[in-house]
Amino acid sequence: MMNADEVLQAVTIDDSFRQTLQTAWLRVMELAVWGDVKSGRLGAMSRVRRRVLETGEKLHSLCAARVWIPHPREQLKNALGSSMALKDTLLQLERGIQDVDAGADRPALLVALHELTQQLNGQLPALENRWAALLDTQYLDEDEGDDE
């Protein structure tokens, strides 16, 4: 049986990590919207800005409290789903940002996005592994129950 308190603790993103992600994302957003960045491709900057905003929404979803979700298994699935959606959006942003080809703030934007990605890559795999391991314990418990 899944320990609801353990699951809730596992899916609760550490406040310092949340703040680090928020700060890194805000830097990317500031540069993408207000920075001197340009693209020779029509509509590319609008797409980049939209992807940055989507990334922020996915970051918020990842860091959101999950106490409103009644079942621990669903909390874990929600956390994993949020993580996968964030990684997908971030990948789309990284692809789109390749179209940013001019402007004095272009290097700073690329660095800011790299830093955000590094922050995520430094913590997210461990969180995902923990969530997956907790999900696996449910299935292991169910298998053990079948033997009785």
C-alpha atoms as a PDB file:
ATOM      1  CA  MET A   1       0.000   0.000   0.000  1.00  0.00           C
ATOM      2  CA  MET A   2       1.272   3.446  -0.939  1.00  0.00           C
ATOM      3  CA  ASN A   3       2.107   5.781   1.905  1.00  0.00           C
ATOM      4  CA  ALA A   4       0.113   8.949   1.149  1.00  0.00           C
ATOM      5  CA  ASP A   5       2.390  11.168   3.244  1.00  0.00           C
ATOM      6  CA  GLU A   6       5.512   9.831   1.538  1.00  0.00           C
ATOM      7  CA  VAL A   7       3.976  10.420  -1.889  1.00  0.00           C
ATOM      8  CA  LEU A   8       2.847  13.933  -1.010  1.00  0.00           C
ATOM      9  CA  GLN A   9       6.330  14.736   0.256  1.00  0.00           C
ATOM     10  CA  ALA A  10       7.871  13.306  -2.928  1.00  0.00           C
ATOM     11  CA  VAL A  11       5.662  15.327  -5.284  1.00  0.00           C
ATOM     12  CA  THR A  12       6.141  18.557  -3.359  1.00  0.00           C
ATOM     13  CA  ILE A  13       8.863  20.516  -5.103  1.00  0.00           C
ATOM     14  CA  ASP A  14      11.429  22.027  -2.748  1.00  0.00           C
ATOM     15  CA  ASP A  15      10.836  25.756  -2.402  1.00  0.00           C
ATOM     16  CA  SER A  16      14.458  26.687  -3.144  1.00  0.00           C
ATOM     17  CA  PHE A  17      14.398  24.626  -6.359  1.00  0.00           C
ATOM     18  CA  ARG A  18      11.085  26.237  -7.348  1.00  0.00           C
ATOM     19  CA  GLN A  19      12.576  29.685  -6.736  1.00  0.00           C
ATOM     20  CA  THR A  20      15.684  28.822  -8.751  1.00  0.00           C
ATOM     21  CA  LEU A  21      13.533  27.678 -11.678  1.00  0.00           C
ATOM     22  CA  GLN A  22      11.311  30.722 -11.465  1.00  0.00           C
ATOM     23  CA  THR A  23      14.281  33.093 -11.440  1.00  0.00           C
ATOM     24  CA  ALA A  24      15.934  31.324 -14.372  1.00  0.00           C
ATOM     25  CA  TRP A  25      12.693  31.312 -16.360  1.00  0.00           C
ATOM     26  CA  LEU A  26      12.046  34.993 -15.626  1.00  0.00           C
ATOM     27  CA  ARG A  27      15.481  35.808 -17.064  1.00  0.00           C
ATOM     28  CA  VAL A  28      14.672  33.911 -20.256  1.00  0.00           C
ATOM     29  CA  MET A  29      11.279  35.647 -20.477  1.00  0.00           C
ATOM     30  CA  GLU A  30      12.788  39.081 -19.892  1.00  0.00           C
ATOM     31  CA  LEU A  31      15.339  38.602 -22.642  1.00  0.00           C
ATOM     32  CA  ALA A  32      12.867  37.066 -25.088  1.00  0.00           C
ATOM     33  CA  VAL A  33      10.314  39.854 -24.633  1.00  0.00           C
ATOM     34  CA  TRP A  34      12.346  42.948 -23.790  1.00  0.00           C
ATOM     35  CA  GLY A  35      15.809  42.032 -24.994  1.00  0.00           C
ATOM     36  CA  ASP A  36      17.455  43.009 -28.231  1.00  0.00           C
ATOM     37  CA  VAL A  37      16.868  39.691 -30.011  1.00  0.00           C
ATOM     38  CA  LYS A  38      15.815  39.271 -33.603  1.00  0.00           C
ATOM     39  CA  SER A  39      15.189  36.694 -36.230  1.00  0.00           C
ATOM     40  CA  GLY A  40      15.335  36.846 -39.972  1.00  0.00           C
ATOM     41  CA  ARG A  41      12.465  34.364 -40.137  1.00  0.00           C
ATOM     42  CA  LEU A  42       8.991  35.842 -40.191  1.00  0.00           C
ATOM     43  CA  GLY A  43       7.057  35.057 -37.001  1.00  0.00           C
ATOM     44  CA  ALA A  44       9.966  33.311 -35.301  1.00  0.00           C
ATOM     45  CA  MET A  45      10.160  35.708 -32.360  1.00  0.00           C
ATOM     46  CA  SER A  46       6.425  35.388 -31.694  1.00  0.00           C
ATOM     47  CA  ARG A  47       6.807  31.609 -31.610  1.00  0.00           C
ATOM     48  CA  VAL A  48       9.818  31.832 -29.302  1.00  0.00           C
ATOM     49  CA  ARG A  49       7.956  34.130 -26.917  1.00  0.00           C
ATOM     50  CA  ARG A  50       4.939  31.829 -26.955  1.00  0.00           C
ATOM     51  CA  ARG A  51       7.189  28.836 -26.177  1.00  0.00           C
ATOM     52  CA  VAL A  52       8.836  30.722 -23.324  1.00  0.00           C
ATOM     53  CA  LEU A  53       5.400  31.446 -21.869  1.00  0.00           C
ATOM     54  CA  GLU A  54       4.367  27.800 -22.317  1.00  0.00           C
ATOM     55  CA  THR A  55       7.565  26.751 -20.558  1.00  0.00           C
ATOM     56  CA  GLY A  56       6.647  28.994 -17.644  1.00  0.00           C
ATOM     57  CA  GLU A  57       3.183  27.438 -17.488  1.00  0.00           C
ATOM     58  CA  LYS A  58       4.700  23.940 -17.491  1.00  0.00           C
ATOM     59  CA  LEU A  59       7.174  24.946 -14.770  1.00  0.00           C
ATOM     60  CA  HIS A  60       4.264  26.217 -12.705  1.00  0.00           C
ATOM     61  CA  SER A  61       2.426  22.952 -13.259  1.00  0.00           C
ATOM     62  CA  LEU A  62       5.481  20.950 -12.194  1.00  0.00           C
ATOM     63  CA  CYS A  63       5.853  22.985  -8.996  1.00  0.00           C
ATOM     64  CA  ALA A  64       2.155  23.183  -8.149  1.00  0.00           C
ATOM     65  CA  ALA A  65       0.796  21.586  -4.994  1.00  0.00           C
ATOM     66  CA  ARG A  66      -0.923  18.271  -5.570  1.00  0.00           C
ATOM     67  CA  VAL A  67      -2.821  17.993  -2.282  1.00  0.00           C
ATOM     68  CA  TRP A  68      -6.070  18.486  -4.184  1.00  0.00           C
ATOM     69  CA  ILE A  69      -5.543  15.171  -5.978  1.00  0.00           C
ATOM     70  CA  PRO A  70      -7.114  12.589  -3.658  1.00  0.00           C
ATOM     71  CA  HIS A  71      -5.223   9.415  -4.561  1.00  0.00           C
ATOM     72  CA  PRO A  72      -1.412   9.152  -4.109  1.00  0.00           C
ATOM     73  CA  ARG A  73      -1.058   7.180  -7.345  1.00  0.00           C
ATOM     74  CA  GLU A  74      -2.749   9.985  -9.268  1.00  0.00           C
ATOM     75  CA  GLN A  75      -0.484  12.552  -7.575  1.00  0.00           C
ATOM     76  CA  LEU A  76       2.535  10.649  -8.851  1.00  0.00           C
ATOM     77  CA  LYS A  77       1.098  10.280 -12.339  1.00  0.00           C
ATOM     78  CA  ASN A  78       0.301  13.997 -12.388  1.00  0.00           C
ATOM     79  CA  ALA A  79       3.848  14.891 -11.338  1.00  0.00           C
ATOM     80  CA  LEU A  80       5.355  12.617 -13.984  1.00  0.00           C
ATOM     81  CA  GLY A  81       2.983  13.960 -16.627  1.00  0.00           C
ATOM     82  CA  SER A  82       3.889  17.543 -15.705  1.00  0.00           C
ATOM     83  CA  SER A  83       7.560  16.680 -15.980  1.00  0.00           C
ATOM     84  CA  MET A  84       7.164  15.081 -19.401  1.00  0.00           C
ATOM     85  CA  ALA A  85       5.098  18.022 -20.689  1.00  0.00           C
ATOM     86  CA  LEU A  86       7.720  20.461 -19.414  1.00  0.00           C
ATOM     87  CA  LYS A  87      10.567  18.584 -21.100  1.00  0.00           C
ATOM     88  CA  ASP A  88       8.622  18.473 -24.374  1.00  0.00           C
ATOM     89  CA  THR A  89       7.890  22.207 -24.284  1.00  0.00           C
ATOM     90  CA  LEU A  90      11.474  23.003 -23.356  1.00  0.00           C
ATOM     91  CA  LEU A  91      12.716  20.926 -26.295  1.00  0.00           C
ATOM     92  CA  GLN A  92      10.389  22.838 -28.624  1.00  0.00           C
ATOM     93  CA  LEU A  93      11.710  26.105 -27.191  1.00  0.00           C
ATOM     94  CA  GLU A  94      15.308  25.006 -27.707  1.00  0.00           C
ATOM     95  CA  ARG A  95      14.516  24.183 -31.326  1.00  0.00           C
ATOM     96  CA  GLY A  96      12.674  27.450 -31.886  1.00  0.00           C
ATOM     97  CA  ILE A  97      15.360  29.576 -30.301  1.00  0.00           C
ATOM     98  CA  GLN A  98      17.746  28.443 -33.034  1.00  0.00           C
ATOM     99  CA  ASP A  99      15.869  30.884 -35.277  1.00  0.00           C
ATOM    100  CA  VAL A 100      16.986  33.793 -33.075  1.00  0.00           C
ATOM    101  CA  ASP A 101      19.906  34.891 -35.183  1.00  0.00           C
ATOM    102  CA  ALA A 102      20.592  38.528 -34.304  1.00  0.00           C
ATOM    103  CA  GLY A 103      20.532  41.162 -31.611  1.00  0.00           C
ATOM    104  CA  ALA A 104      22.868  42.292 -28.857  1.00  0.00           C
ATOM    105  CA  ASP A 105      21.048  40.145 -26.260  1.00  0.00           C
ATOM    106  CA  ARG A 106      21.068  36.954 -28.316  1.00  0.00           C
ATOM    107  CA  PRO A 107      24.084  35.467 -26.464  1.00  0.00           C
ATOM    108  CA  ALA A 108      22.533  36.305 -23.081  1.00  0.00           C
ATOM    109  CA  LEU A 109      19.252  34.671 -24.123  1.00  0.00           C
ATOM    110  CA  LEU A 110      21.049  31.507 -25.168  1.00  0.00           C
ATOM    111  CA  VAL A 111      22.981  31.438 -21.882  1.00  0.00           C
ATOM    112  CA  ALA A 112      19.811  32.028 -19.848  1.00  0.00           C
ATOM    113  CA  LEU A 113      18.005  29.183 -21.593  1.00  0.00           C
ATOM    114  CA  HIS A 114      21.020  26.935 -21.103  1.00  0.00           C
ATOM    115  CA  GLU A 115      21.075  27.765 -17.386  1.00  0.00           C
ATOM    116  CA  LEU A 116      17.362  26.990 -17.037  1.00  0.00           C
ATOM    117  CA  THR A 117      17.860  23.691 -18.829  1.00  0.00           C
ATOM    118  CA  GLN A 118      20.858  22.832 -16.647  1.00  0.00           C
ATOM    119  CA  GLN A 119      18.880  23.565 -13.484  1.00  0.00           C
ATOM    120  CA  LEU A 120      16.131  21.231 -14.641  1.00  0.00           C
ATOM    121  CA  ASN A 121      18.505  18.526 -15.812  1.00  0.00           C
ATOM    122  CA  GLY A 122      20.310  18.664 -12.492  1.00  0.00           C
ATOM    123  CA  GLN A 123      17.214  17.851 -10.426  1.00  0.00           C
ATOM    124  CA  LEU A 124      14.442  16.474 -12.608  1.00  0.00           C
ATOM    125  CA  PRO A 125      15.862  12.992 -13.304  1.00  0.00           C
ATOM    126  CA  ALA A 126      16.196  12.269  -9.580  1.00  0.00           C
ATOM    127  CA  LEU A 127      12.641  13.469  -8.948  1.00  0.00           C
ATOM    128  CA  GLU A 128      11.276  11.406 -11.834  1.00  0.00           C
ATOM    129  CA  ASN A 129      13.142   8.325 -10.616  1.00  0.00           C
ATOM    130  CA  ARG A 130      11.723   8.774  -7.134  1.00  0.00           C
ATOM    131  CA  TRP A 131       8.195   9.173  -8.478  1.00  0.00           C
ATOM    132  CA  ALA A 132       8.559   6.141 -10.728  1.00  0.00           C
ATOM    133  CA  ALA A 133       9.965   4.069  -7.853  1.00  0.00           C
ATOM    134  CA  LEU A 134       6.990   5.015  -5.689  1.00  0.00           C
ATOM    135  CA  LEU A 135       4.636   4.031  -8.499  1.00  0.00           C
ATOM    136  CA  ASP A 136       6.490   0.731  -8.863  1.00  0.00           C
ATOM    137  CA  THR A 137       5.977  -0.035  -5.175  1.00  0.00           C
ATOM    138  CA  GLN A 138       2.237  -0.029  -5.771  1.00  0.00           C
ATOM    139  CA  TYR A 139       2.578  -2.627  -8.486  1.00  0.00           C
ATOM    140  CA  LEU A 140       4.988  -4.684  -6.394  1.00  0.00           C
ATOM    141  CA  ASP A 141       2.499  -4.585  -3.525  1.00  0.00           C
ATOM    142  CA  GLU A 142      -0.269  -5.718  -5.882  1.00  0.00           C
ATOM    143  CA  ASP A 143       1.897  -8.593  -7.162  1.00  0.00           C
ATOM    144  CA  GLU A 144       2.646  -9.736  -3.622  1.00  0.00           C
ATOM    145  CA  GLY A 145      -1.064  -9.657  -2.861  1.00  0.00           C
ATOM    146  CA  ASP A 146      -1.729 -11.983  -5.818  1.00  0.00           C
ATOM    147  CA  ASP A 147       0.438 -14.698  -4.256  1.00  0.00           C
ATOM    148  CA  GLU A 148      -1.696 -14.946  -1.148  1.00  0.00           C
END
